[in-house]
Amino acid sequence: MSIANMPARLWHELVNTKWSKKTVSWAIAYIYTLYVALSAIPPLKGNVAFSVTAASGLLVVLYVFHSFTNLNLKTAGMFLIIAAVISYLWEFVGVETGIPFGSYYYTSALGPQIGPVPIAIPLIWCALGYFCLQASDHYIMASALMVSLDLSFDPVFSGSLHLWNWTGPTQYFGVPWTNFLGWFIASLTFFGVFYYTTKTQLKLSKHAIVFYYLFGLDNVIGDLVSGSAALAAASFVIFTVATGIIILLHRSKVSKTRVPQAVQVAGSTRQPVASQ
């Protein structure tokens, strides 16, 4: 399934299938990506209901609803606790020492804080981590997807929106390269702890791949509206390539599982012939 026709085929699947809880949850997720796209376009841009704070809050609500709908209560709860605690600890260390992200501090734009870190930040880590993991079912790849998201929104959030400010040298549209290494390390840490604690590997969802790409395109729109055509172009390439890699890996995994089955079937069909 190519990137171009995947959204249409999956939407057709949603419309023409039985509306289970899982189906409803993904339909709501798609609607959320439309909401985020609209929030970047005037005259909705700047409206309180379409603000970054509102969009972030709705993303967290969507994540909680989605995870507790599609995972069992224990698994969803464990992921929430592990991802929130570990991401908060990394953020705390990051703000206080500059390791591993680089030197930065949060402004008051994201609301109440526990120490130097806004309460919303670890919850957003949870939400992004959950959907990246659903889109890849591999912890290293999911960590790479987390980095690709940050490559797009961090320059805007820390730039024109001033949700946080960098105080050291920067290289990538006003963001230090160390930040992206920090995102990979932090993501891989809580993904790894979640796996070794629960022994759970989430099954890849084609709907999650589409959600990831649409959410990525939302960020591209946001980059364009913020006035950075170069960042938008870079983001588009990053999300398209990342999504293409996910699809290729998924196809490779599917083909590998089919080969042994085909060999087994062929062997079973040859045995009666040999006995004759």
Protein backbone atom coordinates (compact mmCIF):
# COMPACT_ATOMS: atom_id res chain seq x y z
CA MET A 1 0.00 0.00 0.00
CA SER A 2 1.55 3.30 -1.11
CA ILE A 3 1.49 6.50 0.93
CA ALA A 4 -0.67 8.18 -1.71
CA ASN A 5 -3.58 5.75 -1.65
CA MET A 6 -3.35 4.60 1.98
CA PRO A 7 -5.59 7.34 3.48
CA ALA A 8 -8.37 6.73 0.93
CA ARG A 9 -8.28 2.95 1.38
CA LEU A 10 -8.29 3.13 5.16
CA TRP A 11 -11.08 5.71 5.18
CA HIS A 12 -13.08 3.36 2.94
CA GLU A 13 -12.34 0.59 5.43
CA LEU A 14 -13.55 2.75 8.31
CA VAL A 15 -16.78 3.68 6.55
CA ASN A 16 -17.59 0.18 5.35
CA THR A 17 -16.68 -1.83 8.42
CA LYS A 18 -18.49 -2.51 11.63
CA TRP A 19 -18.02 0.46 13.95
CA SER A 20 -16.21 -1.15 16.83
CA LYS A 21 -14.56 0.81 19.63
CA LYS A 22 -11.27 0.56 17.80
CA THR A 23 -12.76 1.91 14.57
CA VAL A 24 -14.43 4.79 16.36
CA SER A 25 -11.19 5.69 18.14
CA TRP A 26 -9.27 5.95 14.88
CA ALA A 27 -12.05 7.95 13.22
CA ILE A 28 -11.83 10.44 16.11
CA ALA A 29 -8.04 10.52 15.70
CA TYR A 30 -8.42 11.43 12.01
CA ILE A 31 -10.88 14.17 12.93
CA TYR A 32 -8.31 15.52 15.38
CA THR A 33 -5.75 15.89 12.57
CA LEU A 34 -8.33 17.93 10.62
CA TYR A 35 -8.86 20.12 13.70
CA VAL A 36 -5.10 20.75 14.01
CA ALA A 37 -4.87 21.64 10.30
CA LEU A 38 -7.72 24.13 10.65
CA SER A 39 -6.12 25.67 13.74
CA ALA A 40 -3.20 26.87 11.62
CA ILE A 41 -5.37 28.67 9.07
CA PRO A 42 -6.80 32.20 9.52
CA PRO A 43 -9.29 33.24 10.84
CA LEU A 44 -9.24 30.22 13.21
CA LYS A 45 -5.56 30.73 13.96
CA GLY A 46 -5.32 32.66 17.21
CA ASN A 47 -8.79 31.62 18.38
CA VAL A 48 -8.69 30.26 21.93
CA ALA A 49 -10.47 27.06 20.89
CA PHE A 50 -7.79 26.45 18.25
CA SER A 51 -4.76 27.56 20.25
CA VAL A 52 -1.65 25.46 20.82
CA THR A 53 -2.74 24.96 24.42
CA ALA A 54 -6.16 23.68 23.33
CA ALA A 55 -4.68 21.44 20.63
CA SER A 56 -2.15 19.99 23.11
CA GLY A 57 -4.86 19.37 25.69
CA LEU A 58 -7.06 17.62 23.13
CA LEU A 59 -4.12 15.49 22.00
CA VAL A 60 -3.64 14.29 25.57
CA VAL A 61 -7.39 13.57 25.91
CA LEU A 62 -7.33 11.71 22.57
CA TYR A 63 -4.33 9.66 23.70
CA VAL A 64 -5.91 8.68 27.04
CA PHE A 65 -9.20 7.75 25.36
CA HIS A 66 -7.44 5.89 22.54
CA SER A 67 -5.00 3.92 24.70
CA PHE A 68 -7.52 2.86 27.31
CA THR A 69 -9.94 1.89 24.52
CA ASN A 70 -7.51 -0.24 22.51
CA LEU A 71 -5.21 -1.61 25.22
CA ASN A 72 -6.13 -3.42 28.39
CA LEU A 73 -6.35 -1.29 31.51
CA LYS A 74 -3.05 -2.52 33.00
CA THR A 75 -1.02 -2.01 29.82
CA ALA A 76 -2.43 1.45 29.14
CA GLY A 77 -1.92 2.47 32.76
CA MET A 78 1.66 1.19 32.83
CA PHE A 79 2.56 3.06 29.66
CA LEU A 80 1.07 6.28 31.03
CA ILE A 81 2.95 6.03 34.31
CA ILE A 82 6.29 4.94 32.83
CA ALA A 83 6.31 7.45 29.96
CA ALA A 84 5.15 10.36 32.15
CA VAL A 85 7.61 9.73 34.99
CA ILE A 86 10.65 9.06 32.80
CA SER A 87 9.99 11.94 30.41
CA TYR A 88 9.50 14.29 33.37
CA LEU A 89 12.82 13.17 34.87
CA TRP A 90 14.62 13.74 31.56
CA GLU A 91 13.00 17.17 31.23
CA PHE A 92 13.92 18.07 34.82
CA VAL A 93 17.54 17.07 34.24
CA GLY A 94 17.50 18.85 30.89
CA VAL A 95 16.29 22.17 32.29
CA GLU A 96 18.62 22.02 35.30
CA THR A 97 21.79 20.83 33.54
CA GLY A 98 21.29 21.16 29.77
CA ILE A 99 21.83 17.40 29.38
CA PRO A 100 20.90 15.80 27.01
CA PHE A 101 18.78 18.35 25.11
CA GLY A 102 20.82 21.52 25.45
CA SER A 103 20.36 24.64 27.59
CA TYR A 104 16.73 25.81 27.73
CA TYR A 105 13.95 26.90 30.05
CA TYR A 106 10.15 26.83 29.89
CA THR A 107 8.05 29.99 29.83
CA SER A 108 4.69 30.30 31.60
CA ALA A 109 2.80 29.70 28.32
CA LEU A 110 2.14 26.01 29.04
CA GLY A 111 0.55 26.60 32.44
CA PRO A 112 1.26 25.13 35.89
CA GLN A 113 4.63 23.55 36.53
CA ILE A 114 6.11 20.95 38.84
CA GLY A 115 9.49 22.46 39.48
CA PRO A 116 10.90 23.79 36.19
CA VAL A 117 8.74 21.54 33.98
CA PRO A 118 5.12 22.27 32.95
CA ILE A 119 2.66 19.51 33.94
CA ALA A 120 1.52 19.29 30.32
CA ILE A 121 4.96 18.31 28.97
CA PRO A 122 5.23 14.68 30.23
CA LEU A 123 1.61 14.10 29.17
CA ILE A 124 2.43 15.30 25.67
CA TRP A 125 5.43 12.94 25.65
CA CYS A 126 3.02 10.12 26.54
CA ALA A 127 0.62 11.01 23.74
CA LEU A 128 3.27 11.35 21.04
CA GLY A 129 5.05 8.21 22.25
CA TYR A 130 1.88 6.14 22.19
CA PHE A 131 0.96 7.04 18.61
CA CYS A 132 4.54 6.67 17.34
CA LEU A 133 4.70 3.23 18.92
CA GLN A 134 1.38 2.27 17.33
CA ALA A 135 2.72 3.39 13.96
CA SER A 136 5.91 1.34 14.09
CA ASP A 137 5.64 -1.47 16.72
CA HIS A 138 9.44 -1.17 17.13
CA TYR A 139 11.00 0.83 19.93
CA ILE A 140 13.99 2.16 18.01
CA MET A 141 11.84 3.15 15.03
CA ALA A 142 9.25 4.72 17.34
CA SER A 143 12.04 6.79 18.93
CA ALA A 144 13.11 7.93 15.45
CA LEU A 145 9.51 8.93 14.70
CA MET A 146 9.48 10.99 17.90
CA VAL A 147 12.59 12.83 16.69
CA SER A 148 11.02 13.48 13.28
CA LEU A 149 8.03 15.13 14.97
CA ASP A 150 10.30 17.32 17.07
CA LEU A 151 12.32 18.35 14.01
CA SER A 152 9.13 19.98 12.74
CA PHE A 153 7.43 21.53 15.76
CA ASP A 154 10.30 22.49 18.06
CA PRO A 155 11.54 25.36 15.84
CA VAL A 156 8.02 26.85 15.89
CA PHE A 157 7.18 26.15 19.53
CA SER A 158 10.47 27.52 20.81
CA GLY A 159 10.65 30.22 18.15
CA SER A 160 7.58 32.26 17.29
CA LEU A 161 5.41 30.75 20.06
CA HIS A 162 8.03 30.99 22.84
CA LEU A 163 6.76 27.97 24.77
CA TRP A 164 10.38 27.42 25.77
CA ASN A 165 13.58 29.30 25.00
CA TRP A 166 17.02 27.99 24.06
CA THR A 167 19.88 29.76 25.80
CA GLY A 168 22.84 28.10 24.09
CA PRO A 169 24.09 27.83 20.50
CA THR A 170 21.56 26.56 17.93
CA GLN A 171 22.04 24.98 14.51
CA TYR A 172 18.68 23.76 13.13
CA PHE A 173 16.16 26.58 12.65
CA GLY A 174 16.92 27.95 16.11
CA VAL A 175 17.21 24.55 17.82
CA PRO A 176 20.45 22.80 18.89
CA TRP A 177 21.26 19.42 17.36
CA THR A 178 21.70 18.01 20.85
CA ASN A 179 17.96 18.41 21.39
CA PHE A 180 17.14 15.77 18.79
CA LEU A 181 19.66 13.36 20.26
CA GLY A 182 18.01 14.02 23.64
CA TRP A 183 14.59 13.25 22.19
CA PHE A 184 15.83 9.93 20.85
CA ILE A 185 17.46 8.98 24.16
CA ALA A 186 14.46 10.02 26.27
CA SER A 187 11.99 8.21 23.98
CA LEU A 188 14.07 5.06 23.79
CA THR A 189 14.41 5.07 27.58
CA PHE A 190 10.70 4.99 28.39
CA PHE A 191 9.91 2.71 25.46
CA GLY A 192 12.57 0.28 26.71
CA VAL A 193 11.44 0.42 30.33
CA PHE A 194 7.84 -0.14 29.21
CA TYR A 195 8.84 -3.19 27.19
CA TYR A 196 11.04 -4.81 29.83
CA THR A 197 8.49 -4.08 32.55
CA THR A 198 5.39 -5.30 30.76
CA LYS A 199 6.88 -7.59 28.05
CA THR A 200 4.36 -5.96 25.74
CA GLN A 201 4.99 -5.11 22.10
CA LEU A 202 2.17 -3.13 20.53
CA LYS A 203 0.94 -4.43 17.19
CA LEU A 204 1.52 -2.10 14.26
CA SER A 205 -1.63 -0.32 13.08
CA LYS A 206 -2.07 0.88 9.51
CA HIS A 207 -4.43 3.52 10.88
CA ALA A 208 -1.63 4.74 13.15
CA ILE A 209 0.67 5.13 10.14
CA VAL A 210 -1.91 7.33 8.44
CA PHE A 211 -2.49 9.28 11.65
CA TYR A 212 1.26 9.86 12.02
CA TYR A 213 1.56 11.14 8.44
CA LEU A 214 -1.51 13.37 8.67
CA PHE A 215 -0.28 14.75 11.99
CA GLY A 216 3.07 15.36 10.32
CA LEU A 217 1.37 17.27 7.51
CA ASP A 218 -0.39 19.36 10.18
CA ASN A 219 3.06 20.36 11.38
CA VAL A 220 4.08 21.19 7.82
CA ILE A 221 1.09 23.53 7.57
CA GLY A 222 2.05 25.07 10.89
CA ASP A 223 5.60 25.62 9.62
CA LEU A 224 4.27 27.34 6.50
CA VAL A 225 1.91 29.59 8.46
CA SER A 226 4.76 30.50 10.81
CA GLY A 227 6.57 31.90 7.77
CA SER A 228 9.26 29.24 7.38
CA ALA A 229 8.95 27.68 3.93
CA ALA A 230 12.36 26.03 4.31
CA LEU A 231 11.33 24.34 7.57
CA ALA A 232 8.03 23.25 5.99
CA ALA A 233 9.90 21.70 3.05
CA ALA A 234 12.31 19.91 5.38
CA SER A 235 9.43 18.66 7.52
CA PHE A 236 7.52 17.38 4.49
CA VAL A 237 10.53 15.40 3.30
CA ILE A 238 11.20 14.03 6.80
CA PHE A 239 7.60 12.85 7.36
CA THR A 240 7.25 11.39 3.87
CA VAL A 241 10.53 9.47 4.08
CA ALA A 242 9.78 8.27 7.63
CA THR A 243 6.32 7.06 6.60
CA GLY A 244 7.76 5.34 3.55
CA ILE A 245 10.30 3.52 5.72
CA ILE A 246 7.56 2.37 8.10
CA ILE A 247 5.53 0.97 5.22
CA LEU A 248 8.56 -0.82 3.74
CA LEU A 249 9.46 -2.34 7.10
CA HIS A 250 5.87 -3.46 7.59
CA ARG A 251 5.79 -5.07 4.13
CA SER A 252 9.09 -6.82 4.82
CA LYS A 253 7.80 -8.18 8.11
CA VAL A 254 4.58 -9.40 6.49
CA SER A 255 6.44 -11.10 3.63
CA LYS A 256 8.78 -12.87 6.07
CA THR A 257 5.85 -14.28 8.01
CA ARG A 258 4.19 -15.47 4.81
CA VAL A 259 7.20 -17.39 3.45
CA PRO A 260 7.30 -20.05 6.22
CA GLN A 261 3.54 -20.48 5.90
CA ALA A 262 3.87 -20.97 2.14
CA VAL A 263 6.65 -23.52 2.61
CA GLN A 264 4.57 -25.38 5.19
CA VAL A 265 1.54 -25.46 2.88
CA ALA A 266 3.65 -26.61 -0.05
CA GLY A 267 5.17 -29.38 2.05
CA SER A 268 1.78 -30.58 3.23
CA THR A 269 0.47 -30.68 -0.31
CA ARG A 270 3.47 -32.67 -1.59
CA GLN A 271 3.22 -35.42 1.01
CA PRO A 272 0.05 -37.04 -0.36
CA VAL A 273 1.53 -36.94 -3.88
CA ALA A 274 4.69 -38.71 -2.67
CA SER A 275 2.68 -41.38 -0.87
CA GLN A 276 0.82 -42.18 -4.02
